[in-house]
């Protein structure tokens, strides 16, 4: 299992899982729960605004924007460290083939 982090610690493209909420942030916890960010819920960080506020995540099939102060009360664990090259290129993985290998493939 990964270490506990705040949502703001995850990079764009990372997938996280909700593991808890900051103590003393009852109003934010209630708001986050009502938006579907319940413990165990997975999400993907879509983007950060140019000045870092808000952060947009994809959760339960919709895009959700959270302000910096809301995001800082949400504890998460990272599910994957870096997206694979297939994820980064929209599902198509590009292989680097040396020219000698390419000749061998085309000529059999």
PDB file of N, CA and C in Angstrom:
ATOM      1  N   UNK A   1       0.835  -1.179   0.000  1.00  0.00           N
ATOM      2  CA  UNK A   1       0.000   0.000   0.000  1.00  0.00           C
ATOM      3  C   UNK A   1       0.882   1.246   0.000  1.00  0.00           C
ATOM      4  N   UNK A   2       0.470   2.275  -0.683  1.00  0.00           N
ATOM      5  CA  UNK A   2       1.228   3.515  -0.784  1.00  0.00           C
ATOM      6  C   UNK A   2       1.062   4.353   0.475  1.00  0.00           C
ATOM      7  N   UNK A   3       1.921   5.355   0.629  1.00  0.00           N
ATOM      8  CA  UNK A   3       1.813   6.248   1.772  1.00  0.00           C
ATOM      9  C   UNK A   3       0.631   7.193   1.614  1.00  0.00           C
ATOM     10  N   UNK A   4       0.154   7.700   2.762  1.00  0.00           N
ATOM     11  CA  UNK A   4      -0.975   8.630   2.758  1.00  0.00           C
ATOM     12  C   UNK A   4      -0.524   9.982   2.221  1.00  0.00           C
ATOM     13  N   UNK A   5      -1.302  10.525   1.290  1.00  0.00           N
ATOM     14  CA  UNK A   5      -0.992  11.812   0.668  1.00  0.00           C
ATOM     15  C   UNK A   5      -2.263  12.640   0.609  1.00  0.00           C
ATOM     16  N   UNK A   6      -2.092  13.922   0.322  1.00  0.00           N
ATOM     17  CA  UNK A   6      -3.234  14.779   0.011  1.00  0.00           C
ATOM     18  C   UNK A   6      -3.465  14.704  -1.493  1.00  0.00           C
ATOM     19  N   UNK A   7      -4.674  14.977  -1.910  1.00  0.00           N
ATOM     20  CA  UNK A   7      -4.996  14.976  -3.336  1.00  0.00           C
ATOM     21  C   UNK A   7      -4.039  15.871  -4.109  1.00  0.00           C
ATOM     22  N   UNK A   8      -3.659  16.998  -3.540  1.00  0.00           N
ATOM     23  CA  UNK A   8      -2.780  17.961  -4.211  1.00  0.00           C
ATOM     24  C   UNK A   8      -1.396  17.388  -4.510  1.00  0.00           C
ATOM     25  N   UNK A   9      -1.029  16.274  -3.866  1.00  0.00           N
ATOM     26  CA  UNK A   9       0.290  15.668  -4.077  1.00  0.00           C
ATOM     27  C   UNK A   9       0.360  14.800  -5.332  1.00  0.00           C
ATOM     28  N   UNK A  10      -0.780  14.505  -5.949  1.00  0.00           N
ATOM     29  CA  UNK A  10      -0.798  13.628  -7.120  1.00  0.00           C
ATOM     30  C   UNK A  10      -0.611  14.418  -8.408  1.00  0.00           C
ATOM     31  N   UNK A  11       0.103  13.839  -9.346  1.00  0.00           N
ATOM     32  CA  UNK A  11       0.354  14.472 -10.646  1.00  0.00           C
ATOM     33  C   UNK A  11      -0.808  14.209 -11.602  1.00  0.00           C
ATOM     34  N   UNK A  12      -0.914  15.037 -12.614  1.00  0.00           N
ATOM     35  CA  UNK A  12      -1.921  14.845 -13.657  1.00  0.00           C
ATOM     36  C   UNK A  12      -1.718  13.464 -14.288  1.00  0.00           C
ATOM     37  N   UNK A  13      -2.797  12.722 -14.464  1.00  0.00           N
ATOM     38  CA  UNK A  13      -2.739  11.378 -15.026  1.00  0.00           C
ATOM     39  C   UNK A  13      -2.658  10.282 -13.984  1.00  0.00           C
ATOM     40  N   UNK A  14      -2.360  10.649 -12.736  1.00  0.00           N
ATOM     41  CA  UNK A  14      -2.268   9.660 -11.667  1.00  0.00           C
ATOM     42  C   UNK A  14      -3.653   9.216 -11.226  1.00  0.00           C
ATOM     43  N   UNK A  15      -3.727   7.974 -10.789  1.00  0.00           N
ATOM     44  CA  UNK A  15      -4.967   7.443 -10.230  1.00  0.00           C
ATOM     45  C   UNK A  15      -4.783   7.312  -8.731  1.00  0.00           C
ATOM     46  N   UNK A  16      -5.785   7.739  -7.992  1.00  0.00           N
ATOM     47  CA  UNK A  16      -5.737   7.672  -6.539  1.00  0.00           C
ATOM     48  C   UNK A  16      -6.980   7.013  -5.980  1.00  0.00           C
ATOM     49  N   UNK A  17      -6.921   6.721  -4.686  1.00  0.00           N
ATOM     50  CA  UNK A  17      -8.056   6.130  -3.976  1.00  0.00           C
ATOM     51  C   UNK A  17      -8.249   6.920  -2.686  1.00  0.00           C
ATOM     52  N   UNK A  18      -9.481   7.289  -2.388  1.00  0.00           N
ATOM     53  CA  UNK A  18      -9.795   8.028  -1.162  1.00  0.00           C
ATOM     54  C   UNK A  18      -9.579   7.106   0.030  1.00  0.00           C
ATOM     55  N   UNK A  19      -8.800   7.585   1.028  1.00  0.00           N
ATOM     56  CA  UNK A  19      -8.591   6.778   2.233  1.00  0.00           C
ATOM     57  C   UNK A  19      -9.029   7.494   3.504  1.00  0.00           C
ATOM     58  N   UNK A  20      -9.330   8.797   3.429  1.00  0.00           N
ATOM     59  CA  UNK A  20      -9.779   9.492   4.630  1.00  0.00           C
ATOM     60  C   UNK A  20      -9.845  10.991   4.452  1.00  0.00           C
ATOM     61  N   UNK A  21     -10.109  11.643   5.580  1.00  0.00           N
ATOM     62  CA  UNK A  21     -10.303  13.090   5.586  1.00  0.00           C
ATOM     63  C   UNK A  21      -9.551  13.686   6.764  1.00  0.00           C
ATOM     64  N   UNK A  22      -9.153  14.922   6.632  1.00  0.00           N
ATOM     65  CA  UNK A  22      -8.455  15.627   7.702  1.00  0.00           C
ATOM     66  C   UNK A  22      -9.400  15.814   8.887  1.00  0.00           C
ATOM     67  N   UNK A  23      -8.886  15.589  10.098  1.00  0.00           N
ATOM     68  CA  UNK A  23      -9.706  15.793  11.297  1.00  0.00           C
ATOM     69  C   UNK A  23     -10.044  17.266  11.438  1.00  0.00           C
ATOM     70  N   UNK A  24     -11.240  17.531  11.926  1.00  0.00           N
ATOM     71  CA  UNK A  24     -11.643  18.915  12.163  1.00  0.00           C
ATOM     72  C   UNK A  24     -12.203  19.617  10.943  1.00  0.00           C
ATOM     73  N   UNK A  25     -12.342  18.910   9.839  1.00  0.00           N
ATOM     74  CA  UNK A  25     -12.870  19.533   8.620  1.00  0.00           C
ATOM     75  C   UNK A  25     -14.251  18.952   8.304  1.00  0.00           C
ATOM     76  N   UNK A  26     -15.140  19.027   9.292  1.00  0.00           N
ATOM     77  CA  UNK A  26     -16.471  18.418   9.171  1.00  0.00           C
ATOM     78  C   UNK A  26     -17.262  18.913   7.961  1.00  0.00           C
ATOM     79  N   UNK A  27     -17.263  20.214   7.748  1.00  0.00           N
ATOM     80  CA  UNK A  27     -18.039  20.785   6.633  1.00  0.00           C
ATOM     81  C   UNK A  27     -17.506  20.271   5.295  1.00  0.00           C
ATOM     82  N   UNK A  28     -16.178  20.274   5.146  1.00  0.00           N
ATOM     83  CA  UNK A  28     -15.591  19.791   3.895  1.00  0.00           C
ATOM     84  C   UNK A  28     -15.832  18.292   3.734  1.00  0.00           C
ATOM     85  N   UNK A  29     -15.697  17.528   4.824  1.00  0.00           N
ATOM     86  CA  UNK A  29     -15.916  16.081   4.760  1.00  0.00           C
ATOM     87  C   UNK A  29     -17.332  15.797   4.270  1.00  0.00           C
ATOM     88  N   UNK A  30     -18.300  16.479   4.828  1.00  0.00           N
ATOM     89  CA  UNK A  30     -19.695  16.293   4.426  1.00  0.00           C
ATOM     90  C   UNK A  30     -19.891  16.624   2.945  1.00  0.00           C
ATOM     91  N   UNK A  31     -19.273  17.722   2.511  1.00  0.00           N
ATOM     92  CA  UNK A  31     -19.384  18.140   1.108  1.00  0.00           C
ATOM     93  C   UNK A  31     -18.729  17.116   0.179  1.00  0.00           C
ATOM     94  N   UNK A  32     -17.537  16.639   0.545  1.00  0.00           N
ATOM     95  CA  UNK A  32     -16.827  15.657  -0.278  1.00  0.00           C
ATOM     96  C   UNK A  32     -17.602  14.340  -0.362  1.00  0.00           C
ATOM     97  N   UNK A  33     -18.182  13.914   0.761  1.00  0.00           N
ATOM     98  CA  UNK A  33     -18.992  12.695   0.767  1.00  0.00           C
ATOM     99  C   UNK A  33     -20.202  12.840  -0.151  1.00  0.00           C
ATOM    100  N   UNK A  34     -20.842  14.010  -0.101  1.00  0.00           N
ATOM    101  CA  UNK A  34     -22.031  14.227  -0.937  1.00  0.00           C
ATOM    102  C   UNK A  34     -21.684  14.275  -2.428  1.00  0.00           C
ATOM    103  N   UNK A  35     -20.418  14.565  -2.750  1.00  0.00           N
ATOM    104  CA  UNK A  35     -19.978  14.585  -4.150  1.00  0.00           C
ATOM    105  C   UNK A  35     -19.481  13.211  -4.617  1.00  0.00           C
ATOM    106  N   UNK A  36     -19.586  12.197  -3.758  1.00  0.00           N
ATOM    107  CA  UNK A  36     -19.209  10.838  -4.151  1.00  0.00           C
ATOM    108  C   UNK A  36     -17.802  10.433  -3.786  1.00  0.00           C
ATOM    109  N   UNK A  37     -17.082  11.266  -3.049  1.00  0.00           N
ATOM    110  CA  UNK A  37     -15.704  10.937  -2.664  1.00  0.00           C
ATOM    111  C   UNK A  37     -15.701  10.188  -1.333  1.00  0.00           C
ATOM    112  N   UNK A  38     -16.224   8.973  -1.364  1.00  0.00           N
ATOM    113  CA  UNK A  38     -16.306   8.129  -0.182  1.00  0.00           C
ATOM    114  C   UNK A  38     -15.048   7.262  -0.090  1.00  0.00           C
ATOM    115  N   UNK A  39     -14.697   6.791   1.108  1.00  0.00           N
ATOM    116  CA  UNK A  39     -13.507   5.946   1.246  1.00  0.00           C
ATOM    117  C   UNK A  39     -13.547   4.751   0.290  1.00  0.00           C
ATOM    118  N   UNK A  40     -12.417   4.513  -0.381  1.00  0.00           N
ATOM    119  CA  UNK A  40     -12.297   3.422  -1.338  1.00  0.00           C
ATOM    120  C   UNK A  40     -12.577   3.823  -2.778  1.00  0.00           C
ATOM    121  N   UNK A  41     -13.130   5.012  -2.981  1.00  0.00           N
ATOM    122  CA  UNK A  41     -13.453   5.481  -4.328  1.00  0.00           C
ATOM    123  C   UNK A  41     -12.175   5.837  -5.081  1.00  0.00           C
ATOM    124  N   UNK A  42     -12.045   5.330  -6.306  1.00  0.00           N
ATOM    125  CA  UNK A  42     -10.891   5.660  -7.147  1.00  0.00           C
ATOM    126  C   UNK A  42     -11.225   6.817  -8.073  1.00  0.00           C
ATOM    127  N   UNK A  43     -10.212   7.589  -8.409  1.00  0.00           N
ATOM    128  CA  UNK A  43     -10.363   8.754  -9.281  1.00  0.00           C
ATOM    129  C   UNK A  43      -9.065   8.943 -10.043  1.00  0.00           C
ATOM    130  N   UNK A  44      -9.114   9.767 -11.084  1.00  0.00           N
ATOM    131  CA  UNK A  44      -7.927  10.116 -11.860  1.00  0.00           C
ATOM    132  C   UNK A  44      -7.801  11.631 -11.893  1.00  0.00           C
ATOM    133  N   UNK A  45      -6.595  12.136 -11.666  1.00  0.00           N
ATOM    134  CA  UNK A  45      -6.354  13.580 -11.726  1.00  0.00           C
ATOM    135  C   UNK A  45      -6.322  13.989 -13.196  1.00  0.00           C
ATOM    136  N   UNK A  46      -7.259  14.856 -13.598  1.00  0.00           N
ATOM    137  CA  UNK A  46      -7.366  15.291 -14.994  1.00  0.00           C
ATOM    138  C   UNK A  46      -6.466  16.475 -15.288  1.00  0.00           C
ATOM    139  N   UNK A  47      -6.518  17.481 -14.424  1.00  0.00           N
ATOM    140  CA  UNK A  47      -5.683  18.674 -14.656  1.00  0.00           C
ATOM    141  C   UNK A  47      -5.739  19.610 -13.462  1.00  0.00           C
ATOM    142  N   UNK A  48      -4.751  20.494 -13.438  1.00  0.00           N
ATOM    143  CA  UNK A  48      -4.702  21.582 -12.468  1.00  0.00           C
ATOM    144  C   UNK A  48      -4.865  22.877 -13.244  1.00  0.00           C
ATOM    145  N   UNK A  49      -5.564  23.828 -12.674  1.00  0.00           N
ATOM    146  CA  UNK A  49      -5.688  25.145 -13.301  1.00  0.00           C
ATOM    147  C   UNK A  49      -4.302  25.786 -13.341  1.00  0.00           C
ATOM    148  N   UNK A  50      -4.087  26.777 -14.214  1.00  0.00           N
ATOM    149  CA  UNK A  50      -2.763  27.396 -14.357  1.00  0.00           C
ATOM    150  C   UNK A  50      -2.124  27.852 -13.042  1.00  0.00           C
ATOM    151  N   UNK A  51      -2.896  28.356 -12.114  1.00  0.00           N
ATOM    152  CA  UNK A  51      -2.332  28.784 -10.831  1.00  0.00           C
ATOM    153  C   UNK A  51      -2.486  27.710  -9.757  1.00  0.00           C
ATOM    154  N   UNK A  52      -2.864  26.493 -10.160  1.00  0.00           N
ATOM    155  CA  UNK A  52      -2.954  25.374  -9.236  1.00  0.00           C
ATOM    156  C   UNK A  52      -4.276  25.248  -8.500  1.00  0.00           C
ATOM    157  N   UNK A  53      -5.221  26.112  -8.776  1.00  0.00           N
ATOM    158  CA  UNK A  53      -6.506  26.074  -8.076  1.00  0.00           C
ATOM    159  C   UNK A  53      -7.614  26.417  -9.055  1.00  0.00           C
ATOM    160  N   UNK A  54      -8.545  25.569  -9.323  1.00  0.00           N
ATOM    161  CA  UNK A  54      -8.829  24.274  -8.702  1.00  0.00           C
ATOM    162  C   UNK A  54      -8.111  23.115  -9.396  1.00  0.00           C
ATOM    163  N   UNK A  55      -8.323  21.920  -8.822  1.00  0.00           N
ATOM    164  CA  UNK A  55      -7.854  20.674  -9.420  1.00  0.00           C
ATOM    165  C   UNK A  55      -9.090  19.959  -9.965  1.00  0.00           C
ATOM    166  N   UNK A  56      -8.944  19.356 -11.135  1.00  0.00           N
ATOM    167  CA  UNK A  56     -10.067  18.617 -11.731  1.00  0.00           C
ATOM    168  C   UNK A  56      -9.746  17.134 -11.717  1.00  0.00           C
ATOM    169  N   UNK A  57     -10.707  16.338 -11.216  1.00  0.00           N
ATOM    170  CA  UNK A  57     -10.538  14.890 -11.186  1.00  0.00           C
ATOM    171  C   UNK A  57     -11.710  14.222 -11.899  1.00  0.00           C
ATOM    172  N   UNK A  58     -11.470  13.006 -12.365  1.00  0.00           N
ATOM    173  CA  UNK A  58     -12.543  12.199 -12.957  1.00  0.00           C
ATOM    174  C   UNK A  58     -12.891  11.136 -11.929  1.00  0.00           C
ATOM    175  N   UNK A  59     -14.143  11.170 -11.464  1.00  0.00           N
ATOM    176  CA  UNK A  59     -14.596  10.253 -10.420  1.00  0.00           C
ATOM    177  C   UNK A  59     -16.021   9.801 -10.728  1.00  0.00           C
ATOM    178  N   UNK A  60     -16.266   8.513 -10.615  1.00  0.00           N
ATOM    179  CA  UNK A  60     -17.608   7.947 -10.827  1.00  0.00           C
ATOM    180  C   UNK A  60     -18.238   8.370 -12.153  1.00  0.00           C
ATOM    181  N   UNK A  61     -17.407   8.528 -13.192  1.00  0.00           N
ATOM    182  CA  UNK A  61     -17.910   8.829 -14.521  1.00  0.00           C
ATOM    183  C   UNK A  61     -18.164  10.293 -14.819  1.00  0.00           C
ATOM    184  N   UNK A  62     -17.772  11.197 -13.922  1.00  0.00           N
ATOM    185  CA  UNK A  62     -17.936  12.625 -14.205  1.00  0.00           C
ATOM    186  C   UNK A  62     -16.701  13.401 -13.783  1.00  0.00           C
ATOM    187  N   UNK A  63     -16.568  14.603 -14.328  1.00  0.00           N
ATOM    188  CA  UNK A  63     -15.455  15.491 -13.976  1.00  0.00           C
ATOM    189  C   UNK A  63     -15.879  16.328 -12.771  1.00  0.00           C
ATOM    190  N   UNK A  64     -15.000  16.459 -11.800  1.00  0.00           N
ATOM    191  CA  UNK A  64     -15.276  17.207 -10.577  1.00  0.00           C
ATOM    192  C   UNK A  64     -14.115  18.149 -10.312  1.00  0.00           C
ATOM    193  N   UNK A  65     -14.412  19.417 -10.089  1.00  0.00           N
ATOM    194  CA  UNK A  65     -13.376  20.401  -9.747  1.00  0.00           C
ATOM    195  C   UNK A  65     -13.444  20.697  -8.262  1.00  0.00           C
ATOM    196  N   UNK A  66     -12.284  20.645  -7.613  1.00  0.00           N
ATOM    197  CA  UNK A  66     -12.189  20.926  -6.182  1.00  0.00           C
ATOM    198  C   UNK A  66     -11.241  22.090  -5.953  1.00  0.00           C
ATOM    199  N   UNK A  67     -11.630  22.980  -5.055  1.00  0.00           N
ATOM    200  CA  UNK A  67     -10.741  24.080  -4.679  1.00  0.00           C
ATOM    201  C   UNK A  67      -9.573  23.528  -3.867  1.00  0.00           C
ATOM    202  N   UNK A  68      -8.504  24.310  -3.811  1.00  0.00           N
ATOM    203  CA  UNK A  68      -7.281  23.912  -3.115  1.00  0.00           C
ATOM    204  C   UNK A  68      -7.561  23.527  -1.655  1.00  0.00           C
ATOM    205  N   UNK A  69      -8.381  24.331  -0.966  1.00  0.00           N
ATOM    206  CA  UNK A  69      -8.659  24.038   0.444  1.00  0.00           C
ATOM    207  C   UNK A  69      -9.480  22.759   0.608  1.00  0.00           C
ATOM    208  N   UNK A  70     -10.368  22.459  -0.326  1.00  0.00           N
ATOM    209  CA  UNK A  70     -11.124  21.203  -0.276  1.00  0.00           C
ATOM    210  C   UNK A  70     -10.195  20.023  -0.551  1.00  0.00           C
ATOM    211  N   UNK A  71      -9.362  20.160  -1.559  1.00  0.00           N
ATOM    212  CA  UNK A  71      -8.443  19.086  -1.947  1.00  0.00           C
ATOM    213  C   UNK A  71      -7.440  18.767  -0.836  1.00  0.00           C
ATOM    214  N   UNK A  72      -7.068  19.764  -0.052  1.00  0.00           N
ATOM    215  CA  UNK A  72      -6.072  19.539   1.004  1.00  0.00           C
ATOM    216  C   UNK A  72      -6.646  18.766   2.188  1.00  0.00           C
ATOM    217  N   UNK A  73      -7.977  18.663   2.313  1.00  0.00           N
ATOM    218  CA  UNK A  73      -8.585  17.919   3.419  1.00  0.00           C
ATOM    219  C   UNK A  73      -8.832  16.456   3.066  1.00  0.00           C
ATOM    220  N   UNK A  74      -8.568  16.083   1.824  1.00  0.00           N
ATOM    221  CA  UNK A  74      -8.831  14.730   1.337  1.00  0.00           C
ATOM    222  C   UNK A  74      -7.536  13.927   1.318  1.00  0.00           C
ATOM    223  N   UNK A  75      -7.485  12.835   2.088  1.00  0.00           N
ATOM    224  CA  UNK A  75      -6.313  11.964   2.097  1.00  0.00           C
ATOM    225  C   UNK A  75      -6.523  10.832   1.104  1.00  0.00           C
ATOM    226  N   UNK A  76      -5.482  10.559   0.324  1.00  0.00           N
ATOM    227  CA  UNK A  76      -5.569   9.564  -0.744  1.00  0.00           C
ATOM    228  C   UNK A  76      -4.315   8.704  -0.746  1.00  0.00           C
ATOM    229  N   UNK A  77      -4.392   7.595  -1.452  1.00  0.00           N
ATOM    230  CA  UNK A  77      -3.197   6.809  -1.747  1.00  0.00           C
ATOM    231  C   UNK A  77      -3.119   6.700  -3.255  1.00  0.00           C
ATOM    232  N   UNK A  78      -1.912   6.707  -3.774  1.00  0.00           N
ATOM    233  CA  UNK A  78      -1.725   6.614  -5.216  1.00  0.00           C
ATOM    234  C   UNK A  78      -1.848   5.158  -5.638  1.00  0.00           C
ATOM    235  N   UNK A  79      -2.667   4.908  -6.645  1.00  0.00           N
ATOM    236  CA  UNK A  79      -2.892   3.552  -7.126  1.00  0.00           C
ATOM    237  C   UNK A  79      -1.831   3.161  -8.131  1.00  0.00           C
ATOM    238  N   UNK A  80      -1.439   4.088  -8.995  1.00  0.00           N
ATOM    239  CA  UNK A  80      -0.365   3.832  -9.961  1.00  0.00           C
ATOM    240  C   UNK A  80       0.616   4.982  -9.886  1.00  0.00           C
ATOM    241  N   UNK A  81       1.886   4.667 -10.008  1.00  0.00           N
ATOM    242  CA  UNK A  81       2.910   5.706  -9.902  1.00  0.00           C
ATOM    243  C   UNK A  81       2.949   6.596 -11.132  1.00  0.00           C
ATOM    244  N   UNK A  82       2.969   6.023 -12.322  1.00  0.00           N
ATOM    245  CA  UNK A  82       3.005   6.781 -13.575  1.00  0.00           C
ATOM    246  C   UNK A  82       2.115   6.080 -14.581  1.00  0.00           C
ATOM    247  N   UNK A  83       1.361   6.823 -15.371  1.00  0.00           N
ATOM    248  CA  UNK A  83       0.572   6.174 -16.411  1.00  0.00           C
ATOM    249  C   UNK A  83       1.486   5.508 -17.436  1.00  0.00           C
ATOM    250  N   UNK A  84       1.045   4.377 -17.977  1.00  0.00           N
ATOM    251  CA  UNK A  84       1.858   3.678 -18.980  1.00  0.00           C
ATOM    252  C   UNK A  84       1.865   4.459 -20.280  1.00  0.00           C
ATOM    253  N   UNK A  85       2.771   4.097 -21.168  1.00  0.00           N
ATOM    254  CA  UNK A  85       2.830   4.788 -22.457  1.00  0.00           C
ATOM    255  C   UNK A  85       1.544   4.572 -23.237  1.00  0.00           C
ATOM    256  N   UNK A  86       0.886   3.428 -23.045  1.00  0.00           N
ATOM    257  CA  UNK A  86      -0.385   3.175 -23.733  1.00  0.00           C
ATOM    258  C   UNK A  86      -1.459   4.134 -23.230  1.00  0.00           C
ATOM    259  N   UNK A  87      -1.477   4.402 -21.921  1.00  0.00           N
ATOM    260  CA  UNK A  87      -2.456   5.341 -21.380  1.00  0.00           C
ATOM    261  C   UNK A  87      -2.166   6.749 -21.872  1.00  0.00           C
ATOM    262  N   UNK A  88      -0.894   7.121 -21.939  1.00  0.00           N
ATOM    263  CA  UNK A  88      -0.529   8.468 -22.351  1.00  0.00           C
ATOM    264  C   UNK A  88      -0.843   8.720 -23.814  1.00  0.00           C
ATOM    265  N   UNK A  89      -0.840   7.682 -24.646  1.00  0.00           N
ATOM    266  CA  UNK A  89      -1.087   7.870 -26.073  1.00  0.00           C
ATOM    267  C   UNK A  89      -2.488   7.430 -26.475  1.00  0.00           C
ATOM    268  N   UNK A  90      -3.403   7.409 -25.504  1.00  0.00           N
ATOM    269  CA  UNK A  90      -4.783   7.083 -25.817  1.00  0.00           C
ATOM    270  C   UNK A  90      -5.021   5.614 -26.108  1.00  0.00           C
ATOM    271  N   UNK A  91      -4.237   4.730 -25.495  1.00  0.00           N
ATOM    272  CA  UNK A  91      -4.450   3.304 -25.661  1.00  0.00           C
ATOM    273  C   UNK A  91      -3.592   2.659 -26.735  1.00  0.00           C
ATOM    274  N   UNK A  92      -2.807   3.429 -27.456  1.00  0.00           N
ATOM    275  CA  UNK A  92      -1.936   2.884 -28.496  1.00  0.00           C
ATOM    276  C   UNK A  92      -0.507   2.947 -27.979  1.00  0.00           C
ATOM    277  N   UNK A  93       0.116   1.809 -27.827  1.00  0.00           N
ATOM    278  CA  UNK A  93       1.494   1.788 -27.353  1.00  0.00           C
ATOM    279  C   UNK A  93       2.423   1.816 -28.553  1.00  0.00           C
ATOM    280  N   UNK A  94       3.369   2.742 -28.545  1.00  0.00           N
ATOM    281  CA  UNK A  94       4.309   2.909 -29.650  1.00  0.00           C
ATOM    282  C   UNK A  94       5.594   2.186 -29.287  1.00  0.00           C
ATOM    283  N   UNK A  95       6.007   1.265 -30.131  1.00  0.00           N
ATOM    284  CA  UNK A  95       7.223   0.505 -29.887  1.00  0.00           C
ATOM    285  C   UNK A  95       8.362   1.104 -30.685  1.00  0.00           C
ATOM    286  N   UNK A  96       9.533   1.147 -30.072  1.00  0.00           N
ATOM    287  CA  UNK A  96      10.716   1.661 -30.752  1.00  0.00           C
ATOM    288  C   UNK A  96      11.442   0.470 -31.370  1.00  0.00           C
ATOM    289  N   UNK A  97      11.431   0.395 -32.672  1.00  0.00           N
ATOM    290  CA  UNK A  97      12.059  -0.717 -33.386  1.00  0.00           C
ATOM    291  C   UNK A  97      13.282  -0.184 -34.120  1.00  0.00           C
ATOM    292  N   UNK A  98      14.425  -0.822 -33.888  1.00  0.00           N
ATOM    293  CA  UNK A  98      15.654  -0.418 -34.580  1.00  0.00           C
ATOM    294  C   UNK A  98      15.505  -0.712 -36.068  1.00  0.00           C
ATOM    295  N   UNK A  99      16.197   0.050 -36.913  1.00  0.00           N
ATOM    296  CA  UNK A  99      16.070  -0.120 -38.368  1.00  0.00           C
ATOM    297  C   UNK A  99      16.459  -1.523 -38.817  1.00  0.00           C
ATOM    298  N   UNK A 100      17.456  -2.145 -38.185  1.00  0.00           N
ATOM    299  CA  UNK A 100      17.844  -3.508 -38.569  1.00  0.00           C
ATOM    300  C   UNK A 100      16.719  -4.488 -38.246  1.00  0.00           C
ATOM    301  N   UNK A 101      16.025  -4.276 -37.147  1.00  0.00           N
ATOM    302  CA  UNK A 101      14.884  -5.119 -36.793  1.00  0.00           C
ATOM    303  C   UNK A 101      13.749  -4.916 -37.779  1.00  0.00           C
ATOM    304  N   UNK A 102      13.540  -3.688 -38.212  1.00  0.00           N
ATOM    305  CA  UNK A 102      12.463  -3.383 -39.157  1.00  0.00           C
ATOM    306  C   UNK A 102      12.724  -4.087 -40.481  1.00  0.00           C
ATOM    307  N   UNK A 103      13.996  -4.107 -40.937  1.00  0.00           N
ATOM    308  CA  UNK A 103      14.352  -4.796 -42.184  1.00  0.00           C
ATOM    309  C   UNK A 103      14.057  -6.282 -42.070  1.00  0.00           C
ATOM    310  N   UNK A 104      14.408  -6.840 -40.924  1.00  0.00           N
ATOM    311  CA  UNK A 104      14.196  -8.258 -40.692  1.00  0.00           C
ATOM    312  C   UNK A 104      12.704  -8.586 -40.718  1.00  0.00           C
ATOM    313  N   UNK A 105      11.897  -7.718 -40.157  1.00  0.00           N
ATOM    314  CA  UNK A 105      10.450  -7.930 -40.115  1.00  0.00           C
ATOM    315  C   UNK A 105       9.859  -7.859 -41.517  1.00  0.00           C
ATOM    316  N   UNK A 106      10.268  -6.863 -42.313  1.00  0.00           N
ATOM    317  CA  UNK A 106       9.684  -6.680 -43.642  1.00  0.00           C
ATOM    318  C   UNK A 106      10.165  -7.721 -44.649  1.00  0.00           C
ATOM    319  N   UNK A 107      11.394  -8.222 -44.476  1.00  0.00           N
ATOM    320  CA  UNK A 107      11.927  -9.184 -45.440  1.00  0.00           C
ATOM    321  C   UNK A 107      11.766 -10.632 -44.987  1.00  0.00           C
ATOM    322  N   UNK A 108      11.289 -10.831 -43.779  1.00  0.00           N
ATOM    323  CA  UNK A 108      11.014 -12.181 -43.293  1.00  0.00           C
ATOM    324  C   UNK A 108      12.218 -12.885 -42.946  1.00  0.00           C
TER     325      UNK A 108
END
